[in-house]
Amino acid sequence: MGKQNNFHLMCLGLLIIAAAYLDSPFSFLNNDYYYETETPQPAPAVTRPVSRNFPEYEMILVDERKNNGYIIETYKEYEVIKDKEGKIIERKPGTRTEEIRYRDYTFRQAE
């Protein structure tokens, strides 16, 4: 029984080695594929002056109220256009609004 088990283990080992070789990039089956060995060089960056006249979007607090133990803040989106120095040229209100509700721990309900 010992010789038969050794034979099976040796065949299994040879089978694993053959499968690993055939699956590797060095196998004769993979000769048609190109494997890059050098690190590609990055392309030079194209530099051009940056224009600051593009819109940025800001959420600005427009309302804050207390309701049933909660503080509710309402924010409205504004489209802001700035010049090169960062000064605001134009501010237009958008259509998006958001409300944030959080617990007011200073509020005490009557017991």
C-alpha atoms as a PDB file:
ATOM      1  CA  MET A   1       0.000   0.000   0.000  1.00  0.00           C
ATOM      2  CA  GLY A   2       2.874   2.395   0.685  1.00  0.00           C
ATOM      3  CA  LYS A   3       4.248   2.220  -2.881  1.00  0.00           C
ATOM      4  CA  GLN A   4       0.805   2.809  -4.392  1.00  0.00           C
ATOM      5  CA  ASN A   5       0.186   5.920  -2.210  1.00  0.00           C
ATOM      6  CA  ASN A   6       3.616   7.296  -3.127  1.00  0.00           C
ATOM      7  CA  PHE A   7       2.872   6.744  -6.811  1.00  0.00           C
ATOM      8  CA  HIS A   8      -0.470   8.584  -6.547  1.00  0.00           C
ATOM      9  CA  LEU A   9       1.124  11.498  -4.680  1.00  0.00           C
ATOM     10  CA  MET A  10       3.906  11.709  -7.272  1.00  0.00           C
ATOM     11  CA  CYS A  11       1.355  11.735 -10.147  1.00  0.00           C
ATOM     12  CA  LEU A  12      -0.701  14.381  -8.368  1.00  0.00           C
ATOM     13  CA  GLY A  13       2.409  16.520  -7.852  1.00  0.00           C
ATOM     14  CA  LEU A  14       3.411  16.223 -11.520  1.00  0.00           C
ATOM     15  CA  LEU A  15      -0.120  17.122 -12.569  1.00  0.00           C
ATOM     16  CA  ILE A  16      -0.093  20.253 -10.374  1.00  0.00           C
ATOM     17  CA  ILE A  17       3.326  21.296 -11.711  1.00  0.00           C
ATOM     18  CA  ALA A  18       2.199  20.797 -15.327  1.00  0.00           C
ATOM     19  CA  ALA A  19      -1.004  22.785 -14.757  1.00  0.00           C
ATOM     20  CA  ALA A  20       0.925  25.625 -13.091  1.00  0.00           C
ATOM     21  CA  TYR A  21       3.400  25.764 -15.992  1.00  0.00           C
ATOM     22  CA  LEU A  22       0.687  25.772 -18.650  1.00  0.00           C
ATOM     23  CA  ASP A  23      -1.141  28.551 -16.794  1.00  0.00           C
ATOM     24  CA  SER A  24       1.979  30.718 -16.425  1.00  0.00           C
ATOM     25  CA  PRO A  25       2.944  33.473 -18.904  1.00  0.00           C
ATOM     26  CA  PHE A  26       6.123  31.522 -19.741  1.00  0.00           C
ATOM     27  CA  SER A  27       4.198  28.579 -21.210  1.00  0.00           C
ATOM     28  CA  PHE A  28       4.350  27.802 -24.922  1.00  0.00           C
ATOM     29  CA  LEU A  29       0.556  28.270 -24.971  1.00  0.00           C
ATOM     30  CA  ASN A  30       0.958  31.954 -24.081  1.00  0.00           C
ATOM     31  CA  ASN A  31       3.623  32.883 -26.658  1.00  0.00           C
ATOM     32  CA  ASP A  32       1.122  34.974 -28.618  1.00  0.00           C
ATOM     33  CA  TYR A  33       0.613  37.413 -25.755  1.00  0.00           C
ATOM     34  CA  TYR A  34       2.752  40.471 -25.172  1.00  0.00           C
ATOM     35  CA  TYR A  35       3.853  41.100 -21.610  1.00  0.00           C
ATOM     36  CA  GLU A  36       5.212  44.547 -20.863  1.00  0.00           C
ATOM     37  CA  THR A  37       8.340  44.460 -18.748  1.00  0.00           C
ATOM     38  CA  GLU A  38       9.104  48.177 -18.489  1.00  0.00           C
ATOM     39  CA  THR A  39       7.142  50.758 -16.577  1.00  0.00           C
ATOM     40  CA  PRO A  40       5.264  53.024 -18.993  1.00  0.00           C
ATOM     41  CA  GLN A  41       6.342  56.651 -19.024  1.00  0.00           C
ATOM     42  CA  PRO A  42       3.640  59.158 -18.099  1.00  0.00           C
ATOM     43  CA  ALA A  43       2.595  61.612 -20.773  1.00  0.00           C
ATOM     44  CA  PRO A  44       3.521  65.234 -20.127  1.00  0.00           C
ATOM     45  CA  ALA A  45       0.720  67.329 -18.693  1.00  0.00           C
ATOM     46  CA  VAL A  46      -0.911  69.890 -20.917  1.00  0.00           C
ATOM     47  CA  THR A  47      -0.845  73.205 -19.109  1.00  0.00           C
ATOM     48  CA  ARG A  48      -3.207  76.024 -19.857  1.00  0.00           C
ATOM     49  CA  PRO A  49      -4.460  78.956 -17.840  1.00  0.00           C
ATOM     50  CA  VAL A  50      -7.252  78.057 -15.466  1.00  0.00           C
ATOM     51  CA  SER A  51     -10.419  80.050 -15.865  1.00  0.00           C
ATOM     52  CA  ARG A  52     -12.138  80.843 -12.568  1.00  0.00           C
ATOM     53  CA  ASN A  53     -15.401  81.858 -14.232  1.00  0.00           C
ATOM     54  CA  PHE A  54     -17.105  78.538 -13.713  1.00  0.00           C
ATOM     55  CA  PRO A  55     -19.999  78.051 -11.303  1.00  0.00           C
ATOM     56  CA  GLU A  56     -19.557  76.649  -7.830  1.00  0.00           C
ATOM     57  CA  TYR A  57     -22.486  75.460  -5.756  1.00  0.00           C
ATOM     58  CA  GLU A  58     -22.957  76.423  -2.125  1.00  0.00           C
ATOM     59  CA  MET A  59     -25.620  75.423   0.384  1.00  0.00           C
ATOM     60  CA  ILE A  60     -26.575  78.493   2.428  1.00  0.00           C
ATOM     61  CA  LEU A  61     -28.669  78.467   5.611  1.00  0.00           C
ATOM     62  CA  VAL A  62     -31.923  80.318   4.903  1.00  0.00           C
ATOM     63  CA  ASP A  63     -34.153  79.289   7.828  1.00  0.00           C
ATOM     64  CA  GLU A  64     -33.831  77.841  11.312  1.00  0.00           C
ATOM     65  CA  ARG A  65     -36.848  76.954  13.428  1.00  0.00           C
ATOM     66  CA  LYS A  66     -37.710  74.889  16.492  1.00  0.00           C
ATOM     67  CA  ASN A  67     -40.536  72.402  16.302  1.00  0.00           C
ATOM     68  CA  ASN A  68     -41.583  69.881  18.982  1.00  0.00           C
ATOM     69  CA  GLY A  69     -38.149  69.458  20.522  1.00  0.00           C
ATOM     70  CA  TYR A  70     -36.227  69.534  17.246  1.00  0.00           C
ATOM     71  CA  ILE A  71     -34.200  72.215  15.498  1.00  0.00           C
ATOM     72  CA  ILE A  72     -34.912  72.247  11.770  1.00  0.00           C
ATOM     73  CA  GLU A  73     -32.465  74.039   9.490  1.00  0.00           C
ATOM     74  CA  THR A  74     -33.335  74.753   5.860  1.00  0.00           C
ATOM     75  CA  TYR A  75     -30.535  75.171   3.319  1.00  0.00           C
ATOM     76  CA  LYS A  76     -30.880  76.450  -0.242  1.00  0.00           C
ATOM     77  CA  GLU A  77     -28.463  75.817  -3.080  1.00  0.00           C
ATOM     78  CA  TYR A  78     -26.914  78.857  -4.762  1.00  0.00           C
ATOM     79  CA  GLU A  79     -24.846  78.970  -7.943  1.00  0.00           C
ATOM     80  CA  VAL A  80     -21.869  81.240  -7.288  1.00  0.00           C
ATOM     81  CA  ILE A  81     -19.517  82.595  -9.962  1.00  0.00           C
ATOM     82  CA  LYS A  82     -16.213  84.091  -8.783  1.00  0.00           C
ATOM     83  CA  ASP A  83     -13.477  86.042 -10.560  1.00  0.00           C
ATOM     84  CA  LYS A  84      -9.742  85.262 -10.538  1.00  0.00           C
ATOM     85  CA  GLU A  85      -9.256  86.889  -7.137  1.00  0.00           C
ATOM     86  CA  GLY A  86     -12.060  84.851  -5.590  1.00  0.00           C
ATOM     87  CA  LYS A  87     -14.551  87.711  -5.353  1.00  0.00           C
ATOM     88  CA  ILE A  88     -18.169  86.820  -6.017  1.00  0.00           C
ATOM     89  CA  ILE A  89     -19.347  88.132  -9.392  1.00  0.00           C
ATOM     90  CA  GLU A  90     -22.799  86.584  -9.428  1.00  0.00           C
ATOM     91  CA  ARG A  91     -24.964  84.525  -7.051  1.00  0.00           C
ATOM     92  CA  LYS A  92     -28.115  82.856  -8.422  1.00  0.00           C
ATOM     93  CA  PRO A  93     -30.526  80.786  -6.317  1.00  0.00           C
ATOM     94  CA  GLY A  94     -30.969  77.200  -7.413  1.00  0.00           C
ATOM     95  CA  THR A  95     -33.961  74.908  -7.141  1.00  0.00           C
ATOM     96  CA  ARG A  96     -32.607  72.468  -4.560  1.00  0.00           C
ATOM     97  CA  THR A  97     -33.382  72.852  -0.853  1.00  0.00           C
ATOM     98  CA  GLU A  98     -32.523  70.531   2.019  1.00  0.00           C
ATOM     99  CA  GLU A  99     -33.683  70.328   5.602  1.00  0.00           C
ATOM    100  CA  ILE A 100     -31.633  68.986   8.483  1.00  0.00           C
ATOM    101  CA  ARG A 101     -33.456  68.012  11.639  1.00  0.00           C
ATOM    102  CA  TYR A 102     -31.680  67.306  14.893  1.00  0.00           C
ATOM    103  CA  ARG A 103     -32.699  67.021  18.526  1.00  0.00           C
ATOM    104  CA  ASP A 104     -32.730  70.162  20.669  1.00  0.00           C
ATOM    105  CA  TYR A 105     -31.487  68.987  24.064  1.00  0.00           C
ATOM    106  CA  THR A 106     -32.213  72.359  25.657  1.00  0.00           C
ATOM    107  CA  PHE A 107     -35.923  71.815  24.998  1.00  0.00           C
ATOM    108  CA  ARG A 108     -37.799  70.403  27.987  1.00  0.00           C
ATOM    109  CA  GLN A 109     -41.288  69.082  27.592  1.00  0.00           C
ATOM    110  CA  ALA A 110     -43.831  69.773  30.327  1.00  0.00           C
ATOM    111  CA  GLU A 111     -44.314  66.729  32.512  1.00  0.00           C
END
